Protein backbone atom coordinates (compact mmCIF):
# COMPACT_ATOMS: atom_id res chain seq x y z
CA MET A 1 255.75 40.09 131.38
CA THR A 2 253.19 38.19 129.33
CA LEU A 3 249.61 39.43 128.86
CA SER A 4 248.27 36.59 131.02
CA ALA A 5 250.66 37.51 133.82
CA ILE A 6 249.51 41.15 133.68
CA VAL A 7 245.87 40.07 133.86
CA MET A 8 246.59 37.81 136.84
CA THR A 9 248.46 40.60 138.62
CA VAL A 10 245.61 43.09 138.14
CA CYS A 11 242.89 40.60 139.07
CA SER A 12 244.75 39.50 142.21
CA CYS A 13 244.25 42.92 143.78
CA ASP A 14 241.32 42.96 146.18
CA SER A 15 240.58 46.60 145.46
CA PHE A 16 242.00 49.76 143.99
CA GLU A 17 242.97 52.75 146.11
CA TYR A 18 240.99 55.67 144.72
CA HIS A 19 242.26 59.22 144.67
CA PRO A 20 240.84 61.11 147.67
CA TYR A 21 239.15 63.60 145.35
CA ALA A 22 237.45 60.88 143.29
CA SER A 23 233.73 61.46 142.92
CA GLU A 24 232.57 57.92 143.74
CA ILE A 25 229.48 58.94 145.69
CA TYR A 26 227.33 56.30 147.29
CA GLY A 27 224.04 56.54 149.15
CA LYS A 28 221.55 59.37 149.25
CA LYS A 29 221.90 62.10 146.58
CA ASN A 30 220.01 65.19 145.37
CA ILE A 31 218.99 65.64 148.99
CA HIS A 32 217.41 69.10 148.78
CA ALA A 33 214.81 67.91 146.28
CA GLU A 34 213.44 65.63 148.99
CA THR A 35 214.09 67.58 152.18
CA ILE A 36 212.66 70.87 150.89
CA LYS A 37 209.40 69.08 150.12
CA GLU A 38 209.44 67.64 153.65
CA ILE A 39 210.05 71.06 155.22
CA THR A 40 207.31 72.71 153.16
CA HIS A 41 204.81 70.01 154.11
CA LEU A 42 205.85 69.98 157.77
CA CYS A 43 205.55 73.76 158.17
CA ASN A 44 202.42 74.32 156.11
CA GLY A 45 199.83 76.30 158.08
CA ARG A 46 202.02 76.63 161.19
CA ASP A 47 202.09 79.93 163.08
CA THR A 48 205.46 79.12 164.70
CA ILE A 49 208.52 77.99 162.74
CA CYS A 50 211.49 76.58 164.66
CA PHE A 51 214.75 75.47 163.07
CA ALA A 52 218.34 74.80 164.13
CA PHE A 53 221.54 76.16 162.64
CA ILE A 54 224.97 74.50 162.78
CA THR A 55 228.02 75.36 160.73
CA ASP A 56 231.68 74.69 159.92
CA THR A 57 231.62 71.10 161.11
CA GLN A 58 234.81 70.35 159.17
CA GLY A 59 236.80 67.63 160.94
CA SER A 60 234.74 67.85 164.13
CA LEU A 61 233.07 64.44 163.97
CA ASN A 62 232.95 63.81 167.72
CA GLU A 63 231.45 67.22 168.43
CA MET A 64 228.98 66.80 165.58
CA GLU A 65 227.85 63.44 166.94
CA GLU A 66 227.03 65.17 170.23
CA ALA A 67 225.17 67.92 168.37
CA VAL A 68 223.15 65.29 166.52
CA GLU A 69 222.03 63.77 169.82
CA ILE A 70 220.95 67.18 171.12
CA LEU A 71 219.01 68.06 167.97
CA ARG A 72 217.34 64.69 167.76
CA LYS A 73 215.86 65.26 171.23
CA ARG A 74 214.64 68.81 170.52
CA GLU A 75 211.06 68.07 169.51
CA ASN A 76 210.32 71.74 168.73
CA VAL A 77 213.03 71.85 166.03
CA MET A 78 211.34 71.21 162.68
CA PHE A 79 214.40 71.18 160.42
CA VAL A 80 218.13 71.91 160.43
CA VAL A 81 220.31 74.26 158.35
CA HIS A 82 224.03 73.54 157.89
CA GLY A 83 225.93 76.75 157.21
CA GLY A 84 228.68 75.27 155.04
CA ASP A 85 232.20 73.90 155.31
CA GLN A 86 231.11 70.32 155.80
CA SER A 87 234.60 69.43 154.64
CA ASP A 88 238.08 70.67 155.41
CA PHE A 89 239.77 69.63 152.17
CA GLY A 90 236.86 69.02 149.78
CA LEU A 91 237.28 65.24 150.12
CA THR A 92 234.37 63.08 149.03
CA LYS A 93 234.50 61.04 152.23
CA GLU A 94 234.22 64.22 154.34
CA PHE A 95 230.94 65.11 152.64
CA LEU A 96 229.65 61.57 153.10
CA TRP A 97 230.55 61.57 156.81
CA CYS A 98 228.69 64.83 157.29
CA ARG A 99 225.68 63.70 155.26
CA ASP A 100 225.37 60.48 157.26
CA LEU A 101 225.51 62.40 160.55
CA MET A 102 222.88 64.87 159.31
CA GLU A 103 220.68 61.90 158.42
CA ASN A 104 221.01 60.67 162.01
CA ILE A 105 219.26 63.82 163.28
CA ARG A 106 216.10 62.32 161.74
CA LYS A 107 214.80 65.71 160.68
CA PRO A 108 214.86 67.30 157.21
CA TYR A 109 217.88 69.49 156.51
CA VAL A 110 219.53 71.74 153.95
CA CYS A 111 223.21 72.60 153.51
CA LEU A 112 225.01 75.68 152.23
CA LEU A 113 228.21 75.66 150.18
CA GLY A 114 231.31 76.75 152.11
CA ASN A 115 234.72 77.84 150.86
CA HIS A 116 236.43 74.65 152.08
CA ASP A 117 233.71 72.67 150.30
CA CYS A 118 234.99 74.10 147.01
CA LEU A 119 238.48 72.63 147.34
CA GLY A 120 239.50 69.80 145.05
CA ASN A 121 236.40 68.18 143.57
CA GLY A 122 234.21 69.40 146.42
CA GLU A 123 231.90 71.66 144.45
CA HIS A 124 230.93 68.74 142.20
CA VAL A 125 230.38 66.46 145.20
CA PHE A 126 228.19 69.10 146.86
CA GLU A 127 226.03 69.48 143.77
CA VAL A 128 225.60 65.71 143.41
CA LEU A 129 224.62 65.36 147.06
CA TYR A 130 222.45 68.45 147.43
CA GLY A 131 221.82 70.19 144.11
CA ASN A 132 222.27 73.84 143.16
CA PRO A 133 224.11 75.81 145.88
CA ASN A 134 221.48 78.54 145.38
CA PHE A 135 218.09 77.36 146.57
CA SER A 136 214.94 78.59 148.30
CA PHE A 137 211.78 77.29 149.92
CA ASN A 138 208.81 78.37 152.00
CA ALA A 139 208.31 77.14 155.55
CA GLY A 140 204.82 78.30 156.44
CA PHE A 141 204.79 82.10 156.39
CA VAL A 142 208.63 82.28 156.26
CA HIS A 143 210.65 82.31 153.03
CA PHE A 144 214.17 80.85 153.20
CA VAL A 145 216.78 81.58 150.55
CA GLY A 146 220.17 79.83 150.61
CA LEU A 147 222.94 81.53 148.64
CA ASN A 148 226.43 80.73 147.45
CA THR A 149 228.53 83.69 148.67
CA VAL A 150 232.09 82.29 148.45
CA ALA A 151 233.10 84.37 145.43
CA LEU A 152 236.84 84.07 146.10
CA GLU A 153 236.72 80.31 145.42
CA TYR A 154 235.43 81.05 141.92
CA ASP A 155 238.08 83.69 141.22
CA TYR A 156 235.15 86.02 140.41
CA SER A 157 234.58 84.04 137.19
CA HIS A 158 230.99 83.13 138.16
CA PRO A 159 228.11 85.29 139.40
CA VAL A 160 228.57 84.86 143.16
CA PRO A 161 226.22 85.96 144.64
CA ASP A 162 223.87 85.19 141.76
CA PHE A 163 221.61 88.23 141.32
CA THR A 164 219.64 86.58 138.53
CA PHE A 165 218.69 83.80 140.92
CA MET A 166 217.75 86.35 143.59
CA GLU A 167 215.66 88.40 141.15
CA ASP A 168 213.71 85.36 140.01
CA ASP A 169 213.27 84.21 143.60
CA LEU A 170 212.09 87.66 144.68
CA ASP A 171 209.56 87.84 141.85
CA SER A 172 207.85 84.64 142.98
CA THR A 173 208.15 85.40 146.69
CA LEU A 174 206.64 88.89 146.51
CA LYS A 175 203.59 87.49 144.71
CA SER A 176 202.71 85.40 147.76
CA GLU A 177 200.51 87.12 150.34
CA GLU A 178 201.24 84.34 152.83
CA ILE A 179 204.95 85.16 153.15
CA THR A 180 205.52 87.82 155.80
CA SER A 181 209.05 86.93 156.94
CA SER A 182 212.31 85.93 155.24
CA VAL A 183 215.58 84.35 156.33
CA VAL A 184 218.62 84.79 154.06
CA LEU A 185 221.23 82.05 154.53
CA MET A 186 224.86 82.30 153.43
CA HIS A 187 228.28 80.97 154.34
CA ALA A 188 230.40 84.14 154.05
CA PRO A 189 228.77 87.47 155.02
CA PRO A 190 229.31 90.80 153.27
CA TYR A 191 232.74 92.37 153.82
CA ASP A 192 234.33 89.01 154.54
CA GLU A 193 237.40 88.12 152.48
CA GLN A 194 235.42 85.42 150.67
CA PHE A 195 232.65 87.80 149.62
CA ASN A 196 232.68 89.87 146.42
CA ASN A 197 232.76 93.14 148.30
CA ASN A 198 232.56 95.27 145.17
CA ILE A 199 228.87 94.42 145.14
CA ALA A 200 228.22 94.11 148.90
CA LYS A 201 225.84 97.08 149.00
CA VAL A 202 224.02 95.88 145.89
CA PHE A 203 223.65 92.45 147.47
CA HIS A 204 222.14 94.04 150.56
CA ARG A 205 219.62 95.95 148.43
CA TYR A 206 218.40 92.62 147.11
CA VAL A 207 218.29 91.22 150.64
CA THR A 208 216.18 94.11 151.88
CA ALA A 209 213.64 93.55 149.11
CA TYR A 210 212.47 90.33 150.79
CA PRO A 211 209.35 90.34 153.01
CA GLY A 212 210.22 90.98 156.63
CA LEU A 213 213.52 92.62 155.69
CA ARG A 214 212.16 95.72 153.97
CA ALA A 215 212.17 99.10 155.69
CA GLU A 216 208.37 99.17 155.61
CA ASP A 217 208.32 95.85 157.49
CA ALA A 218 210.24 97.26 160.45
CA ARG A 219 208.52 97.63 163.80
CA TYR A 220 209.65 99.38 166.93
CA ALA A 221 211.73 97.20 169.19
CA GLU A 222 210.08 96.22 172.44
CA GLY A 223 210.71 98.70 175.24
CA GLU A 224 212.08 101.36 172.92
CA GLU A 225 210.15 104.45 172.00
CA LYS A 226 211.07 104.97 168.37
CA ALA A 227 214.73 104.68 169.33
CA GLY A 228 215.24 101.58 167.23
CA THR A 229 213.40 99.18 164.97
CA MET A 230 213.34 95.44 164.42
CA ARG A 231 212.31 93.36 161.44
CA ASN A 232 210.60 90.00 161.29
CA GLY A 233 213.36 88.69 159.04
CA PHE A 234 217.12 88.31 159.33
CA CYS A 235 220.29 86.85 157.81
CA ILE A 236 222.46 83.99 159.05
CA ASN A 237 226.05 83.16 158.12
CA GLY A 238 228.79 80.72 159.05
CA HIS A 239 232.49 80.95 158.17
CA THR A 240 233.64 83.51 160.73
CA HIS A 241 233.88 81.01 163.62
CA HIS A 242 232.29 83.58 165.93
CA THR A 243 228.91 83.76 167.60
CA ASP A 244 227.74 87.33 167.09
CA VAL A 245 225.06 89.54 165.63
CA LYS A 246 225.93 92.50 163.40
CA ASN A 247 223.99 95.38 161.95
CA ILE A 248 226.44 95.49 159.05
CA PHE A 249 224.73 98.20 157.01
CA ASN A 250 223.36 100.19 159.98
CA ASP A 251 219.76 99.80 158.83
CA GLY A 252 218.43 97.34 161.40
CA VAL A 253 218.86 94.22 159.24
CA LEU A 254 220.75 91.78 161.42
CA TYR A 255 223.34 89.19 160.36
CA TYR A 256 223.74 86.36 162.88
CA GLY A 257 226.97 84.36 162.99
CA LEU A 258 227.84 81.16 164.85
CA GLU A 259 231.00 79.48 166.08
CA ASN A 260 232.37 76.45 164.29
CA MET A 261 231.34 73.00 165.52
CA GLU A 262 234.70 72.45 167.20
CA GLU A 263 233.60 75.08 169.74
CA ARG A 264 230.39 73.08 170.38
CA ALA A 265 227.70 75.57 169.43
CA ILE A 266 224.17 75.28 168.04
CA GLN A 267 221.59 77.99 167.40
CA ILE A 268 217.82 77.53 167.62
CA TYR A 269 215.63 80.10 165.85
CA THR A 270 211.93 80.40 166.68
CA ILE A 271 209.88 82.66 164.39
CA THR A 272 206.31 83.83 164.88
CA LYS A 273 204.38 86.49 163.00
CA GLU A 274 205.12 88.89 165.86
CA GLY A 275 208.89 88.42 165.92
CA TYR A 276 211.61 85.87 166.56
CA GLU A 277 213.94 84.55 169.25
CA VAL A 278 217.46 83.15 169.02
CA GLU A 279 218.80 80.58 171.49
CA THR A 280 222.49 79.64 171.45
CA ILE A 281 223.34 76.26 172.93
CA ASN A 282 226.92 75.65 174.07
CA PHE A 283 227.45 72.01 174.92
């Protein structure tokens, strides 16, 4: 075949079929840089912080579309947290589908990194779309810290969880007199197969250094006479595909889990300086 024939053959193709793990990423990128500013501004000076949590939306586009409609109509919800596993196979198009649906909620949002999100080229796609999988921000008097906890996907070759990040974040957070509550966000909770369980107790020591999660921040639970305590902070995880609440370390610090989107579940968290409430919506 002559050179001219080769050129004509190539040019006659309308388009090339890209590999499914190709990182051709169109549209909105570096999302957290924008949405965290929105959340901080929106929540500044508020005495009530309300946010929604959804997770493990992988492959559940129809269910997620319904969830988007519900969240769009909830005027009290100020922002949305996605607990990870936007994708099933780490495909670029899966991330883009999820991002576009999150945009349709018309509220600022942040997303955690899940284990399925690390498949193929997924980790790179996540970082292009959202930024560092470890992030934090203040929403009024509440500090939020989002952490990469899927250590198994890194074959323990990276610091997951990243204690250096947590130390730096704690240093700045504890200097603020305005922050009285904290919410620690993660995909896989301690003692899950994805978590680096050699350091689970160390991780929890860092968690309980945050305002609202410390032993000195505990208050007696309503209706109980020194029989139990509650804190004005808590942890949230995805991954397990179960809606539950666990006192994993038997110290009163609660880890809330939520079912995957296929099971049609949303959680709404409302935090005041006196305490917090959790509403689970099954639709």
